[in-house]
Protein backbone atom coordinates (compact mmCIF):
# COMPACT_ATOMS: atom_id res chain seq x y z
CA MET A 1 12.19 15.51 18.92
CA ASP A 2 8.90 16.09 20.16
CA LEU A 3 7.01 13.06 18.52
CA TYR A 4 4.26 15.37 17.56
CA LYS A 5 7.22 16.02 14.49
CA TYR A 6 5.87 12.30 13.53
CA GLY A 7 2.72 13.48 12.91
CA TYR A 8 1.20 12.98 16.46
CA THR A 9 -1.95 14.16 16.71
CA ASP A 10 -4.70 14.95 19.13
CA ASN A 11 -6.44 12.84 18.00
CA LEU A 12 -4.36 9.40 18.12
CA ALA A 13 -3.35 10.89 21.79
CA ARG A 14 -7.03 10.31 22.85
CA ALA A 15 -7.42 7.04 20.98
CA PHE A 16 -3.87 6.50 22.92
CA ASP A 17 -5.54 7.43 26.38
CA ASN A 18 -8.79 4.88 25.37
CA LEU A 19 -7.09 2.16 25.80
CA GLY A 20 -6.67 2.30 29.64
CA LEU A 21 -3.30 0.82 29.44
CA VAL A 22 -1.22 1.59 32.25
CA ASP A 23 3.31 2.33 31.90
CA TYR A 24 2.50 2.11 28.43
CA ILE A 25 4.05 5.46 25.87
CA PRO A 26 2.88 6.10 22.45
CA GLY A 27 5.59 5.74 19.54
CA ARG A 28 5.29 5.81 15.44
CA VAL A 29 6.90 2.38 13.87
CA VAL A 30 10.11 4.31 12.14
CA ALA A 31 11.93 0.95 10.20
CA ASP A 32 10.89 -3.01 9.92
CA TYR A 33 13.72 -5.16 9.17
CA GLY A 34 11.88 -8.69 9.65
CA GLY A 35 13.41 -9.92 12.87
CA PHE A 36 12.29 -6.42 14.70
CA LEU A 37 11.14 -2.89 14.70
CA ARG A 38 12.54 0.49 15.71
CA VAL A 39 10.04 2.69 17.42
CA VAL A 40 10.30 6.29 18.30
CA THR A 41 9.00 7.79 21.33
CA PRO A 42 10.59 10.40 20.58
CA ASP A 43 13.29 7.92 22.28
CA GLU A 44 14.19 5.36 19.43
CA PHE A 45 14.39 1.95 20.79
CA GLU A 46 13.90 -1.39 19.15
CA ALA A 47 10.52 -3.44 19.24
CA GLU A 48 9.61 -6.61 19.10
CA ILE A 49 5.82 -7.60 18.48
CA ALA A 50 3.75 -8.75 21.97
CA GLY A 51 2.96 -12.19 21.53
CA SER A 52 -0.48 -11.87 22.47
CA LEU A 53 -0.77 -9.64 19.58
CA GLN A 54 0.41 -11.97 17.32
CA HIS A 55 -1.90 -14.74 18.04
CA ASP A 56 -5.37 -12.63 18.35
CA SER A 57 -4.71 -10.41 14.98
CA GLU A 58 -5.07 -11.17 11.68
CA SER A 59 -1.44 -10.65 9.41
CA TYR A 60 -2.57 -7.29 7.79
CA LEU A 61 -3.05 -5.54 11.45
CA MET A 62 0.10 -6.67 12.48
CA PRO A 63 2.45 -3.43 13.33
CA LYS A 64 3.60 -1.63 10.14
CA VAL A 65 6.14 1.18 9.12
CA GLY A 66 3.75 4.43 9.74
CA ASP A 67 1.90 2.44 12.43
CA PHE A 68 1.26 4.73 15.77
CA VAL A 69 2.20 1.95 18.55
CA ALA A 70 1.73 1.37 22.72
CA LEU A 71 5.04 0.78 23.85
CA GLN A 72 5.73 -0.89 26.78
CA ILE A 73 9.57 -0.37 28.19
CA GLY A 74 11.23 -3.44 30.08
CA VAL A 75 14.61 -3.91 31.75
CA ASP A 76 17.17 -3.32 29.15
CA ASN A 77 15.40 -0.88 27.41
CA LYS A 78 13.50 -3.68 25.25
CA ALA A 79 10.43 -2.39 23.97
CA THR A 80 7.06 -4.35 23.09
CA ILE A 81 3.72 -3.37 20.89
CA ARG A 82 1.12 -4.25 22.83
CA ALA A 83 -1.48 -2.16 21.02
CA VAL A 84 -2.24 -0.70 16.87
CA LEU A 85 -3.69 2.75 17.14
CA PRO A 86 -6.41 3.20 14.89
CA ARG A 87 -5.17 3.73 11.11
CA GLN A 88 -5.68 6.94 9.24
CA SER A 89 -4.34 5.07 6.18
CA GLU A 90 -3.03 2.32 4.64
CA ILE A 91 -1.68 0.53 1.12
CA SER A 92 -2.18 -2.65 1.01
CA ARG A 93 -2.02 -5.34 -2.23
CA LYS A 94 -2.83 -9.11 -2.32
CA ALA A 95 0.47 -11.07 -1.21
CA ALA A 96 1.82 -12.91 -3.26
CA GLY A 97 1.03 -16.91 -3.73
CA SER A 98 -1.99 -18.34 -4.32
CA GLY A 99 -4.16 -17.73 -1.57
CA ASN A 100 -6.23 -14.54 -0.37
CA ALA A 101 -3.81 -12.46 1.63
CA ARG A 102 -3.69 -8.87 2.56
CA GLN A 103 -0.34 -7.41 2.92
CA VAL A 104 0.00 -3.70 4.15
CA LEU A 105 2.93 -1.78 2.46
CA ALA A 106 2.72 1.14 4.46
CA ALA A 107 0.55 2.79 7.04
CA ASN A 108 -0.54 6.49 7.81
CA VAL A 109 0.52 7.78 4.51
CA ASP A 110 -0.74 11.40 3.20
CA ILE A 111 0.47 10.92 -0.17
CA ALA A 112 1.65 8.86 -2.12
CA PHE A 113 4.57 9.36 -5.26
CA VAL A 114 4.92 6.76 -7.35
CA VAL A 115 7.83 6.43 -9.30
CA GLN A 116 8.92 5.38 -12.73
CA SER A 117 11.96 5.29 -14.91
CA LEU A 118 11.49 6.53 -18.45
CA ASP A 119 13.45 4.21 -19.99
CA HIS A 120 13.27 0.86 -19.68
CA ASP A 121 10.78 0.87 -16.71
CA PHE A 122 8.29 2.77 -17.90
CA ASN A 123 4.69 1.17 -17.58
CA LEU A 124 1.18 2.63 -18.34
CA ASN A 125 -0.26 -0.84 -17.62
CA ARG A 126 1.29 -0.41 -14.28
CA LEU A 127 0.68 3.06 -13.29
CA GLU A 128 -2.84 2.21 -14.15
CA ARG A 129 -2.61 -0.62 -11.07
CA TYR A 130 -1.00 1.69 -8.33
CA SER A 131 -3.69 4.16 -9.88
CA TYR A 132 -6.92 1.92 -8.68
CA GLN A 133 -4.60 0.53 -5.63
CA LEU A 134 -3.73 4.13 -3.86
CA ARG A 135 -6.42 5.52 -4.66
CA GLN A 136 -9.00 2.77 -2.80
CA SER A 137 -6.38 3.42 -0.12
CA GLY A 138 -8.25 6.91 -0.19
CA ILE A 139 -4.84 8.58 -1.36
CA GLU A 140 -4.47 10.15 -4.20
CA PRO A 141 -1.23 9.24 -6.37
CA VAL A 142 0.87 11.41 -7.89
CA PHE A 143 3.38 9.84 -10.33
CA VAL A 144 6.73 11.20 -10.67
CA PHE A 145 9.05 10.39 -13.76
CA ASN A 146 11.93 9.88 -12.76
CA LYS A 147 15.52 9.79 -14.91
CA ALA A 148 14.37 12.25 -18.18
CA ASP A 149 17.50 12.74 -18.94
CA LYS A 150 18.18 9.03 -20.52
CA VAL A 151 14.83 9.52 -22.56
CA TYR A 152 14.65 10.82 -26.60
CA ASP A 153 10.32 10.34 -26.43
CA ILE A 154 9.89 12.33 -23.85
CA ASP A 155 7.54 14.47 -24.96
CA GLU A 156 5.55 11.26 -26.71
CA LYS A 157 5.43 9.40 -23.27
CA LEU A 158 4.33 12.45 -21.50
CA ASP A 159 1.65 12.31 -23.87
CA ASP A 160 0.33 9.23 -23.36
CA ILE A 161 0.69 9.95 -19.30
CA SER A 162 -1.58 13.16 -19.76
CA LYS A 163 -4.11 10.58 -21.48
CA LEU A 164 -4.91 8.73 -17.75
CA GLY A 165 -5.74 12.71 -16.07
CA VAL A 166 -2.92 11.58 -13.17
CA SER A 167 -1.46 14.20 -11.15
CA TYR A 168 2.87 13.76 -12.44
CA ILE A 169 5.89 15.29 -11.95
CA VAL A 170 9.18 14.80 -14.02
CA THR A 171 12.41 14.48 -11.92
CA THR A 172 16.04 13.54 -12.64
CA ALA A 173 17.64 12.20 -9.19
CA THR A 174 21.06 12.66 -9.87
CA SER A 175 21.45 16.16 -10.55
CA GLY A 176 18.39 17.02 -8.08
CA ALA A 177 15.68 18.97 -11.43
CA GLY A 178 12.30 17.95 -10.24
CA VAL A 179 12.84 17.48 -6.99
CA GLY A 180 11.46 20.18 -5.36
CA LYS A 181 8.51 20.11 -6.78
CA ILE A 182 7.47 16.39 -4.50
CA ARG A 183 9.45 18.73 -1.61
CA ASP A 184 6.81 21.08 -1.25
CA LEU A 185 3.96 18.09 -1.55
CA ILE A 186 5.09 17.29 1.03
CA LYS A 187 3.46 19.62 4.36
CA ASP A 188 5.03 19.84 7.53
CA SER A 189 4.02 16.64 10.21
CA LYS A 190 2.56 15.02 6.67
CA THR A 191 3.54 11.79 5.52
CA ALA A 192 4.52 10.31 2.11
CA VAL A 193 5.55 7.16 0.79
CA LEU A 194 8.16 6.56 -2.18
CA LEU A 195 6.51 3.07 -4.85
CA GLY A 196 8.01 2.00 -7.82
CA SER A 197 10.52 -0.94 -8.67
CA SER A 198 13.62 -1.54 -7.76
CA GLY A 199 16.09 0.37 -9.77
CA VAL A 200 13.89 3.18 -10.68
CA GLY A 201 15.51 5.16 -8.66
CA LYS A 202 13.49 5.88 -5.36
CA SER A 203 16.41 6.02 -3.34
CA THR A 204 17.96 7.97 -4.71
CA LEU A 205 15.63 10.55 -4.17
CA THR A 206 15.58 9.87 -0.89
CA ASN A 207 18.52 10.91 -0.28
CA VAL A 208 18.16 14.18 -2.53
CA LEU A 209 14.93 15.16 -0.23
CA LEU A 210 17.18 14.46 2.51
CA GLY A 211 20.26 16.32 1.62
CA THR A 212 23.01 12.78 2.56
CA ASP A 213 23.30 9.61 1.54
CA GLN A 214 21.34 8.05 4.00
CA GLN A 215 20.35 5.53 1.25
CA LYS A 216 22.49 2.62 -0.20
CA THR A 217 22.10 3.28 -4.12
CA ALA A 218 24.06 0.34 -6.63
CA GLU A 219 24.49 0.48 -10.43
CA ILE A 220 22.40 -0.58 -12.56
CA ARG A 221 22.64 -2.18 -16.08
CA GLN A 222 22.85 -0.28 -18.73
CA SER A 223 21.27 -2.38 -21.54
CA ASP A 224 18.20 -3.21 -19.69
CA SER A 225 18.89 -0.13 -16.20
CA THR A 226 17.94 -2.79 -14.22
CA GLY A 227 18.71 -2.74 -10.32
CA ARG A 228 19.69 -4.14 -7.09
CA HIS A 229 17.64 -4.32 -4.17
CA THR A 230 19.65 -1.78 -2.56
CA THR A 231 16.94 -1.09 0.03
CA SER A 232 15.42 -3.81 1.34
CA HIS A 233 13.87 -2.55 4.24
CA ARG A 234 11.17 0.03 4.41
CA GLU A 235 12.19 3.08 6.93
CA LEU A 236 11.00 6.33 7.60
CA PHE A 237 13.41 9.78 7.36
CA VAL A 238 12.25 13.36 8.57
CA LEU A 239 12.82 15.37 6.50
CA PRO A 240 14.68 18.83 6.88
CA SER A 241 11.82 20.93 5.81
CA GLY A 242 9.95 19.23 7.83
CA GLY A 243 7.19 15.89 6.84
CA MET A 244 8.25 13.01 6.46
CA ILE A 245 9.24 10.02 3.47
CA ILE A 246 9.10 5.94 3.65
CA ASP A 247 11.10 4.80 1.45
CA THR A 248 10.36 1.04 0.08
CA PRO A 249 12.27 -1.70 -1.71
CA GLY A 250 11.21 -2.35 -5.36
CA ILE A 251 8.05 -3.68 -5.83
CA ARG A 252 7.78 -6.74 -8.84
CA GLU A 253 4.47 -7.04 -9.21
CA LEU A 254 1.61 -5.71 -7.68
CA GLN A 255 -1.50 -7.61 -6.77
CA LEU A 256 -4.80 -5.79 -7.21
CA TRP A 257 -6.73 -5.99 -3.25
CA GLY A 258 -9.58 -4.08 -3.31
CA GLU A 259 -13.13 -3.79 -4.39
CA GLU A 260 -14.98 -3.61 -7.86
CA GLU A 261 -16.15 -0.41 -7.39
CA PHE A 262 -13.28 1.27 -7.07
CA LEU A 263 -12.96 1.06 -10.67
CA ALA A 264 -14.63 3.88 -11.23
CA LYS A 265 -12.23 6.14 -9.41
CA SER A 266 -9.16 5.07 -11.90
CA PHE A 267 -11.20 4.40 -14.83
CA ALA A 268 -13.59 7.33 -14.99
CA ASP A 269 -13.07 7.71 -19.13
CA ILE A 270 -14.84 3.89 -19.36
CA GLU A 271 -17.15 4.77 -17.27
CA ASP A 272 -18.18 7.92 -18.59
CA LEU A 273 -18.90 6.24 -22.01
CA ALA A 274 -20.30 3.25 -20.15
CA ARG A 275 -23.87 5.57 -19.08
CA SER A 276 -24.59 5.46 -22.64
CA CYS A 277 -24.14 1.73 -23.03
CA GLU A 278 -27.72 0.12 -23.97
CA TYR A 279 -27.37 -2.11 -21.11
CA ARG A 280 -27.43 -1.06 -17.86
CA ASN A 281 -24.85 -4.19 -17.29
CA CYS A 282 -22.82 -4.53 -20.45
CA SER A 283 -19.64 -5.87 -19.71
CA HIS A 284 -18.21 -4.31 -23.29
CA VAL A 285 -17.04 -7.66 -24.22
CA LYS A 286 -20.06 -8.40 -26.62
CA GLU A 287 -23.46 -6.22 -26.48
CA LEU A 288 -25.03 -4.62 -28.82
CA ASN A 289 -25.22 -0.75 -29.15
CA CYS A 290 -21.64 -1.02 -26.04
CA ALA A 291 -20.72 2.50 -25.88
CA VAL A 292 -17.65 1.93 -24.33
CA ARG A 293 -16.59 -0.44 -27.99
CA ALA A 294 -17.83 1.53 -29.79
CA ALA A 295 -15.56 4.13 -28.67
CA VAL A 296 -12.81 1.92 -28.90
CA THR A 297 -13.48 1.78 -32.59
CA ASN A 298 -13.62 4.90 -32.85
CA GLY A 299 -10.09 5.50 -32.09
CA VAL A 300 -11.65 7.81 -29.45
CA LEU A 301 -10.22 4.99 -26.27
CA PRO A 302 -7.46 3.13 -26.86
CA GLN A 303 -7.94 -0.51 -27.03
CA VAL A 304 -4.78 -1.40 -24.18
CA ARG A 305 -6.95 0.75 -21.93
CA LEU A 306 -10.31 -1.00 -21.98
CA ASP A 307 -7.99 -3.66 -21.61
CA SER A 308 -6.82 -3.46 -18.66
CA TYR A 309 -9.90 -2.17 -16.99
CA LEU A 310 -11.64 -5.78 -17.72
CA LYS A 311 -8.59 -8.13 -16.59
CA PHE A 312 -8.70 -5.62 -13.24
CA LYS A 313 -12.71 -6.18 -12.78
CA ASN A 314 -12.36 -9.73 -13.30
CA GLU A 315 -9.34 -10.43 -11.45
CA LEU A 316 -11.63 -7.96 -8.49
CA GLN A 317 -13.95 -10.60 -9.88
CA SER A 318 -12.27 -13.63 -9.13
CA GLN A 319 -10.96 -12.08 -5.58
CA ALA A 320 -13.88 -11.44 -4.04
CA PHE A 321 -15.27 -15.06 -5.27
CA SER A 322 -12.37 -16.55 -3.35
CA ALA A 323 -13.14 -14.78 -0.38
CA THR A 324 -16.20 -16.04 -0.43
CA SER A 325 -14.91 -18.92 -0.83
CA ALA A 326 -13.16 -19.14 2.39
CA SER A 327 -15.51 -17.17 4.60
CA ILE A 328 -18.08 -20.16 3.97
CA LYS A 329 -14.92 -22.48 4.62
CA LEU A 330 -14.29 -20.87 7.47
CA LYS A 331 -17.83 -20.77 8.80
CA LYS A 332 -18.66 -24.61 7.76
CA GLN A 333 -15.71 -25.00 10.33
CA ARG A 334 -16.81 -23.34 12.53
CA ALA A 335 -20.38 -25.27 13.09
CA ARG A 336 -18.56 -28.34 12.56
CA ARG A 337 -16.07 -27.82 16.27
CA GLN A 338 -19.05 -26.35 17.16
CA LYS A 339 -21.22 -29.81 16.93
CA LYS A 340 -18.74 -31.93 17.95
CA THR A 341 -17.89 -29.61 21.25
CA ILE A 342 -21.79 -30.21 21.59
CA GLN A 343 -21.54 -33.59 21.44
CA LEU A 344 -18.90 -34.15 23.73
CA ASN A 345 -20.64 -31.93 26.64
CA GLU A 346 -23.68 -34.45 25.85
CA LYS A 347 -20.96 -37.56 26.36
CA LEU A 348 -19.71 -36.10 29.69
CA ALA A 349 -22.84 -35.18 31.03
CA ASP A 350 -24.82 -38.70 30.32
CA ASP A 351 -21.55 -40.68 31.16
CA SER A 352 -21.76 -37.99 34.35
CA GLU A 353 -25.66 -39.19 35.26
CA LEU A 354 -24.37 -43.17 34.77
CA TYR A 355 -22.09 -42.50 37.12
CA ASP A 356 -24.02 -40.85 39.46
């Protein structure tokens, strides 16, 4: 299959040529198994990352599923990734833990389907998190509400969803209902990704889109619809109808990564109300004549919506502060090392003059 079928473009071809690498070929990462990557050129290879690339680059710049890379094929068809081509887009989050690291979930994605089941997994706050994270990555989310056959209050939930002003599709993956609408949005040579918690039906949706049981699925507990992590790695598949889909493991927690300014895209309703606040820098917490809090009091804006906005804002401000503190600490460390190097060089020069 031609690499262009995997989304390779003339712009990427020029970027590859500009690397000036001899005896290298372009490829795309289609699976990440932790210890190694699978790359198509369009032939398939198991590839490792060159030590120089790992040493010289931050972890978020390492090859991820969806990345286009420069590949060197050695003896016995052993492949080594030497460079990553510029990304068109990436889906990131704050890595788990107390640090301030950035984790890339997938690269060069054109459309993201965020899957929730309409029974026990349904969570508006989590939808708001995905909405922010994807929009700050330049990707408009499409929400997929699966297992429509499992709920009786679907109209009430869809009414809550419509207030978010997001695009959505209602599906029952096991019967294929609504899946055609997902397929129609994945254009030829474009890449889509499925995101969401474990057990919401991402692998089942992938199988229906592929027309084959490619991905393993597992039974879920009927008491809470919790599923096991049947997908343990990220993998890209080419669809029979054209286009590609990336299936991902379940995401337990989506910690935000990005800039505060992108909140306006996910909370346009609050931003519109804020223009009528008396103070331009109103925090919407305790100021007088706050139009946002007035909208909550009048029942125009749900309190939970404002709570989410304030929580996201505090989270991003805290992240920015941590990043600034880490940057200052790094600069001080470099300055100390540079000072020690200068002192050592001066001492060596003095010792040299003494012996002369």
